Amino acid sequence: MRGKLLQVALITMFVLASGSATWAGSVEAQAVFDQLKSLAGTWQGHYEGEGEEAEAEAEAAGQAVHEIQVSAAGTVVMETMGPGSDHEMINMYHLDGDDLLLTHYCAGGNQPQMRLNRDSSTSKTLVFDFVGGTNLDPAVDGHIHAAKIQIVDSDRLESVWFGYAGGEQVGVMTFHLARAD
C-alpha cells in the first residue's frame, strides 16, 4: 500500500511540475491548430438546419461558402462564413498557451467563445465547448454554444454549429463543404 501511495505521489508531482498532462486519447492544441491552417482556401457546399430558425436560414441562403485564411503572422486562422452576405460571420481560432480557442463573431451581434475539448476531439473530429462570450447572457440569449468540425479528408469537411437560447439547445446548423480551390 505504501508503495502505491509513493507511486501516485511521484506521478502527481511529475504532472504538477510539467504544468500539463496529455492523457491517452487527447489531442494537442498545436497539432489541431496546424491542421486548421492546412484548411486555408475557399470551401463551397450546402447546409441544413434543425430548429425553426436554422431551417428558415438554410432555406433562404441555399449554397454555403466559407473562406479560411491564416493571418497575423500565422498566429490566427480566420474563417469567414457567407462572405459578403447579410449573414456574414467570422470565426477566429488561436492558441492560448496549451488551449485552442474559437471566437464566433455572430451576425446577431454577440461573440461566444469556445475552447477545444481535447479529450472529446480526435485528429478528424474537433469539438469546441462554450466557455463564455461578450454581448450575451448564456442563460437567456440566443447564441452559438458549441461547434464540431469533422474533417472527412483534405478536400471535404462538415462544420456543425449548436445554437442555444434560454439555456437549452434550440437548433443545429450543419455545413457540408468541399474545397473549391
Protein backbone atom coordinates (compact mmCIF):
# COMPACT_ATOMS: atom_id res chain seq x y z
CA MET A 1 0.00 0.00 0.00
CA ARG A 2 2.80 2.38 0.91
CA GLY A 3 4.47 1.68 -2.44
CA LYS A 4 1.27 2.58 -4.34
CA LEU A 5 0.92 5.83 -2.41
CA LEU A 6 4.50 6.73 -3.23
CA GLN A 7 3.89 5.92 -6.92
CA VAL A 8 0.74 8.12 -7.00
CA ALA A 9 2.62 10.92 -5.24
CA LEU A 10 5.50 10.77 -7.75
CA ILE A 11 3.13 10.79 -10.73
CA THR A 12 1.22 13.74 -9.25
CA MET A 13 4.45 15.64 -8.65
CA PHE A 14 5.57 14.98 -12.25
CA VAL A 15 2.26 16.25 -13.66
CA LEU A 16 2.34 19.37 -11.47
CA ALA A 17 5.97 20.06 -12.33
CA SER A 18 5.37 19.72 -16.07
CA GLY A 19 2.42 22.10 -15.92
CA SER A 20 0.17 19.89 -18.00
CA ALA A 21 -0.60 16.33 -18.86
CA THR A 22 -1.59 14.70 -22.10
CA TRP A 23 -3.75 11.72 -21.37
CA ALA A 24 -4.21 8.88 -23.81
CA GLY A 25 -6.79 9.83 -26.41
CA SER A 26 -6.46 13.60 -26.09
CA VAL A 27 -5.23 15.81 -28.92
CA GLU A 28 -2.62 18.54 -28.75
CA ALA A 29 -3.86 22.09 -29.36
CA GLN A 30 -0.83 22.98 -31.51
CA ALA A 31 -1.38 19.96 -33.78
CA VAL A 32 -5.05 20.86 -34.21
CA PHE A 33 -4.16 24.49 -34.92
CA ASP A 34 -1.66 23.37 -37.59
CA GLN A 35 -4.39 21.19 -39.07
CA LEU A 36 -6.77 24.16 -39.21
CA LYS A 37 -4.08 26.15 -41.03
CA SER A 38 -3.97 23.44 -43.70
CA LEU A 39 -7.65 24.15 -44.47
CA ALA A 40 -6.85 27.61 -45.89
CA GLY A 41 -8.80 28.29 -49.06
CA THR A 42 -12.36 28.58 -50.30
CA TRP A 43 -14.91 25.94 -49.41
CA GLN A 44 -18.34 25.52 -51.00
CA GLY A 45 -21.31 23.30 -50.38
CA HIS A 46 -24.70 23.39 -48.78
CA TYR A 47 -26.10 23.47 -45.32
CA GLU A 48 -29.07 22.17 -43.47
CA GLY A 49 -30.58 23.07 -40.16
CA GLU A 50 -32.64 21.66 -37.35
CA GLY A 51 -34.81 24.04 -35.41
CA GLU A 52 -37.24 26.59 -36.79
CA GLU A 53 -34.81 29.50 -37.19
CA ALA A 54 -32.00 27.33 -38.57
CA GLU A 55 -34.29 25.74 -41.16
CA ALA A 56 -35.53 29.16 -42.32
CA GLU A 57 -31.96 30.48 -42.67
CA ALA A 58 -30.82 27.39 -44.57
CA GLU A 59 -33.76 27.57 -46.96
CA ALA A 60 -33.21 31.28 -47.64
CA ALA A 61 -29.46 31.05 -48.16
CA GLY A 62 -29.02 27.97 -50.34
CA GLN A 63 -25.34 27.43 -51.09
CA ALA A 64 -22.73 27.76 -48.36
CA VAL A 65 -19.35 29.41 -48.88
CA HIS A 66 -16.60 29.55 -46.28
CA GLU A 67 -13.25 31.27 -46.78
CA ILE A 68 -10.42 30.22 -44.49
CA GLN A 69 -7.16 32.14 -44.24
CA VAL A 70 -4.14 32.21 -41.99
CA SER A 71 -3.38 35.70 -40.64
CA ALA A 72 -1.38 37.67 -38.05
CA ALA A 73 1.95 36.08 -38.97
CA GLY A 74 0.50 32.58 -38.68
CA THR A 75 -0.99 33.05 -35.19
CA VAL A 76 -4.68 33.16 -36.22
CA VAL A 77 -6.92 31.18 -38.52
CA MET A 78 -9.84 33.28 -39.75
CA GLU A 79 -12.92 31.60 -41.20
CA THR A 80 -15.49 33.79 -42.95
CA MET A 81 -18.90 32.16 -43.23
CA GLY A 82 -21.06 33.56 -46.04
CA PRO A 83 -18.60 36.27 -47.14
CA GLY A 84 -20.41 39.35 -48.43
CA SER A 85 -23.86 38.10 -47.41
CA ASP A 86 -26.30 39.68 -44.96
CA HIS A 87 -25.45 36.85 -42.53
CA GLU A 88 -21.65 37.01 -42.84
CA MET A 89 -19.94 35.74 -39.68
CA ILE A 90 -16.31 35.34 -38.67
CA ASN A 91 -14.67 32.58 -36.64
CA MET A 92 -11.22 33.23 -35.21
CA TYR A 93 -9.09 30.32 -33.98
CA HIS A 94 -5.95 30.95 -31.93
CA LEU A 95 -3.75 29.33 -29.33
CA ASP A 96 -3.80 30.45 -25.71
CA GLY A 97 -0.99 28.52 -24.07
CA ASP A 98 -1.95 24.84 -24.29
CA ASP A 99 -5.54 25.66 -25.34
CA LEU A 100 -7.07 26.33 -28.73
CA LEU A 101 -9.79 28.96 -28.59
CA LEU A 102 -12.53 29.78 -31.06
CA THR A 103 -14.37 33.09 -31.01
CA HIS A 104 -17.50 33.25 -33.17
CA TYR A 105 -18.33 36.80 -34.31
CA CYS A 106 -22.03 36.32 -34.93
CA ALA A 107 -24.29 38.31 -37.25
CA GLY A 108 -26.54 38.53 -34.16
CA GLY A 109 -24.02 40.87 -32.52
CA ASN A 110 -22.63 38.55 -29.85
CA GLN A 111 -19.24 36.85 -29.58
CA PRO A 112 -19.38 33.42 -27.93
CA GLN A 113 -16.02 31.88 -27.13
CA MET A 114 -15.32 28.16 -27.16
CA ARG A 115 -12.34 26.02 -26.21
CA LEU A 116 -11.16 22.85 -27.94
CA ASN A 117 -12.24 19.88 -25.86
CA ARG A 118 -9.05 17.87 -26.23
CA ASP A 119 -10.49 14.76 -24.60
CA SER A 120 -13.57 14.63 -26.86
CA SER A 121 -11.66 15.56 -30.02
CA THR A 122 -9.71 13.35 -32.39
CA SER A 123 -7.49 14.19 -35.34
CA LYS A 124 -10.60 14.05 -37.58
CA THR A 125 -13.27 15.46 -35.23
CA LEU A 126 -12.67 18.76 -33.44
CA VAL A 127 -15.08 19.56 -30.61
CA PHE A 128 -15.36 23.08 -29.18
CA ASP A 129 -17.26 23.81 -25.94
CA PHE A 130 -18.64 27.15 -24.71
CA VAL A 131 -16.51 28.98 -22.13
CA GLY A 132 -18.03 32.48 -22.21
CA GLY A 133 -18.54 35.41 -24.50
CA THR A 134 -19.43 39.04 -24.89
CA ASN A 135 -22.76 40.76 -25.56
CA LEU A 136 -24.72 37.76 -24.31
CA ASP A 137 -26.19 36.15 -21.24
CA PRO A 138 -25.89 32.41 -21.97
CA ALA A 139 -28.82 31.59 -19.69
CA VAL A 140 -31.14 33.81 -21.73
CA ASP A 141 -29.80 34.99 -25.09
CA GLY A 142 -29.61 33.08 -28.35
CA HIS A 143 -26.02 32.22 -29.26
CA ILE A 144 -23.73 29.55 -30.68
CA HIS A 145 -22.83 27.36 -27.74
CA ALA A 146 -20.71 24.60 -29.29
CA ALA A 147 -19.16 23.58 -32.58
CA LYS A 148 -17.86 20.40 -34.15
CA ILE A 149 -15.65 20.23 -37.24
CA GLN A 150 -15.47 16.84 -38.92
CA ILE A 151 -12.53 16.63 -41.33
CA VAL A 152 -13.60 13.97 -43.80
CA ASP A 153 -10.41 14.29 -45.87
CA SER A 154 -8.17 17.09 -47.19
CA ASP A 155 -10.92 18.24 -49.57
CA ARG A 156 -14.14 17.70 -47.57
CA LEU A 157 -15.37 18.76 -44.15
CA GLU A 158 -18.54 19.13 -42.14
CA SER A 159 -18.95 22.02 -39.76
CA VAL A 160 -21.70 21.70 -37.15
CA TRP A 161 -22.88 24.64 -35.01
CA PHE A 162 -25.17 24.24 -31.99
CA GLY A 163 -27.50 27.14 -31.18
CA TYR A 164 -28.76 27.76 -27.65
CA ALA A 165 -31.37 30.11 -26.19
CA GLY A 166 -32.91 30.19 -22.75
CA GLY A 167 -30.17 27.87 -21.53
CA GLU A 168 -31.05 24.97 -23.85
CA GLN A 169 -30.27 23.77 -27.34
CA VAL A 170 -32.71 25.19 -29.91
CA GLY A 171 -31.06 24.35 -33.22
CA VAL A 172 -28.21 22.77 -35.15
CA MET A 173 -26.75 24.00 -38.43
CA THR A 174 -24.57 21.61 -40.45
CA PHE A 175 -22.38 22.82 -43.31
CA HIS A 176 -21.30 20.15 -45.84
CA LEU A 177 -18.28 21.68 -47.57
CA ALA A 178 -15.80 20.74 -50.30
CA ARG A 179 -12.59 22.55 -51.20
CA ALA A 180 -13.22 24.88 -54.15
CA ASP A 181 -9.62 25.94 -54.78
